[in-house]
């Protein structure tokens, strides 16, 4: 089974990398860029077919390793 964990900064947390990407896009001539927030995406393949168990395991992994839950949110999707 395949899963995706998407990690993003919480609202109100400064995002200097997003600001740098925003500036770079504008300097490349990409019009209409209002703002950029950067994040992380983890595509994970899991053995087994129990979606509830996989989701629980990935939430535990996100809490402990994949995300800094003080400043980041995460979303787990089984695809």
C-alpha atoms as a PDB file:
ATOM      1  CA  UNK A   1       0.000   0.000   0.000  1.00  0.00           C
ATOM      2  CA  UNK A   2       1.162   3.537  -0.691  1.00  0.00           C
ATOM      3  CA  UNK A   3       0.864   6.535   1.572  1.00  0.00           C
ATOM      4  CA  UNK A   4       1.782  10.188   1.491  1.00  0.00           C
ATOM      5  CA  UNK A   5       2.662  12.338   4.490  1.00  0.00           C
ATOM      6  CA  UNK A   6       2.570  16.062   3.763  1.00  0.00           C
ATOM      7  CA  UNK A   7       4.238  18.378   6.276  1.00  0.00           C
ATOM      8  CA  UNK A   8       3.665  22.145   6.223  1.00  0.00           C
ATOM      9  CA  UNK A   9       4.487  25.029   8.509  1.00  0.00           C
ATOM     10  CA  UNK A  10       1.726  26.172  10.820  1.00  0.00           C
ATOM     11  CA  UNK A  11       0.018  29.474  10.073  1.00  0.00           C
ATOM     12  CA  UNK A  12       1.957  32.362  11.569  1.00  0.00           C
ATOM     13  CA  UNK A  13       5.351  30.609  11.454  1.00  0.00           C
ATOM     14  CA  UNK A  14       7.892  32.538   9.375  1.00  0.00           C
ATOM     15  CA  UNK A  15       9.011  30.710   6.229  1.00  0.00           C
ATOM     16  CA  UNK A  16      12.341  32.134   4.999  1.00  0.00           C
ATOM     17  CA  UNK A  17      12.785  29.364   2.430  1.00  0.00           C
ATOM     18  CA  UNK A  18       9.322  30.095   1.031  1.00  0.00           C
ATOM     19  CA  UNK A  19      10.211  33.794   0.814  1.00  0.00           C
ATOM     20  CA  UNK A  20      13.438  32.945  -1.038  1.00  0.00           C
ATOM     21  CA  UNK A  21      11.522  30.753  -3.505  1.00  0.00           C
ATOM     22  CA  UNK A  22       8.951  33.525  -3.951  1.00  0.00           C
ATOM     23  CA  UNK A  23      11.710  35.998  -4.811  1.00  0.00           C
ATOM     24  CA  UNK A  24      13.368  33.539  -7.189  1.00  0.00           C
ATOM     25  CA  UNK A  25      10.092  32.868  -9.015  1.00  0.00           C
ATOM     26  CA  UNK A  26       9.519  36.592  -9.437  1.00  0.00           C
ATOM     27  CA  UNK A  27      13.072  37.086 -10.730  1.00  0.00           C
ATOM     28  CA  UNK A  28      12.440  34.302 -13.258  1.00  0.00           C
ATOM     29  CA  UNK A  29       9.475  36.263 -14.566  1.00  0.00           C
ATOM     30  CA  UNK A  30       6.729  34.080 -13.090  1.00  0.00           C
ATOM     31  CA  UNK A  31       3.828  36.521 -12.826  1.00  0.00           C
ATOM     32  CA  UNK A  32       1.098  36.505 -10.221  1.00  0.00           C
ATOM     33  CA  UNK A  33       3.023  34.912  -7.355  1.00  0.00           C
ATOM     34  CA  UNK A  34       1.443  36.321  -4.196  1.00  0.00           C
ATOM     35  CA  UNK A  35       3.264  34.127  -1.676  1.00  0.00           C
ATOM     36  CA  UNK A  36       5.017  30.780  -1.314  1.00  0.00           C
ATOM     37  CA  UNK A  37       5.008  28.403   1.658  1.00  0.00           C
ATOM     38  CA  UNK A  38       7.338  25.443   1.403  1.00  0.00           C
ATOM     39  CA  UNK A  39       6.869  22.036   2.980  1.00  0.00           C
ATOM     40  CA  UNK A  40       7.880  18.405   2.739  1.00  0.00           C
ATOM     41  CA  UNK A  41       6.231  15.398   1.110  1.00  0.00           C
ATOM     42  CA  UNK A  42       7.065  11.814   2.042  1.00  0.00           C
ATOM     43  CA  UNK A  43       5.843   9.056  -0.295  1.00  0.00           C
ATOM     44  CA  UNK A  44       5.995   5.807   1.654  1.00  0.00           C
ATOM     45  CA  UNK A  45       5.278   2.221   0.581  1.00  0.00           C
ATOM     46  CA  UNK A  46       4.040  -0.087   3.297  1.00  0.00           C
ATOM     47  CA  UNK A  47       3.631  -3.856   3.439  1.00  0.00           C
ATOM     48  CA  UNK A  48       0.210  -5.118   4.448  1.00  0.00           C
ATOM     49  CA  UNK A  49      -3.358  -4.117   3.723  1.00  0.00           C
ATOM     50  CA  UNK A  50      -4.675  -2.739   7.024  1.00  0.00           C
ATOM     51  CA  UNK A  51      -5.280   0.942   6.250  1.00  0.00           C
ATOM     52  CA  UNK A  52      -6.191   1.901   9.814  1.00  0.00           C
ATOM     53  CA  UNK A  53      -3.005   0.335  11.196  1.00  0.00           C
ATOM     54  CA  UNK A  54      -0.882   1.960   8.482  1.00  0.00           C
ATOM     55  CA  UNK A  55      -2.416   5.378   9.131  1.00  0.00           C
ATOM     56  CA  UNK A  56      -1.853   5.040  12.886  1.00  0.00           C
ATOM     57  CA  UNK A  57       1.770   3.978  12.338  1.00  0.00           C
ATOM     58  CA  UNK A  58       2.426   6.901   9.999  1.00  0.00           C
ATOM     59  CA  UNK A  59       0.839   9.400  12.399  1.00  0.00           C
ATOM     60  CA  UNK A  60       3.124   8.058  15.106  1.00  0.00           C
ATOM     61  CA  UNK A  61       6.120   8.386  12.749  1.00  0.00           C
ATOM     62  CA  UNK A  62       5.126  11.941  11.841  1.00  0.00           C
ATOM     63  CA  UNK A  63       4.783  12.885  15.516  1.00  0.00           C
ATOM     64  CA  UNK A  64       8.187  11.408  16.366  1.00  0.00           C
ATOM     65  CA  UNK A  65      10.295  11.989  13.247  1.00  0.00           C
ATOM     66  CA  UNK A  66       8.789  13.453  10.107  1.00  0.00           C
ATOM     67  CA  UNK A  67       7.348  16.683  11.536  1.00  0.00           C
ATOM     68  CA  UNK A  68       8.279  19.149  14.237  1.00  0.00           C
ATOM     69  CA  UNK A  69       4.778  19.391  15.676  1.00  0.00           C
ATOM     70  CA  UNK A  70       5.614  22.598  17.538  1.00  0.00           C
ATOM     71  CA  UNK A  71       5.842  24.519  14.255  1.00  0.00           C
ATOM     72  CA  UNK A  72       4.516  22.089  11.618  1.00  0.00           C
ATOM     73  CA  UNK A  73       1.243  20.393  10.720  1.00  0.00           C
ATOM     74  CA  UNK A  74       1.038  17.120   8.847  1.00  0.00           C
ATOM     75  CA  UNK A  75      -1.524  15.178   6.844  1.00  0.00           C
ATOM     76  CA  UNK A  76      -1.469  11.419   6.254  1.00  0.00           C
ATOM     77  CA  UNK A  77      -3.130  10.022   3.124  1.00  0.00           C
ATOM     78  CA  UNK A  78      -3.411   6.370   2.189  1.00  0.00           C
ATOM     79  CA  UNK A  79      -3.465   6.270  -1.618  1.00  0.00           C
END
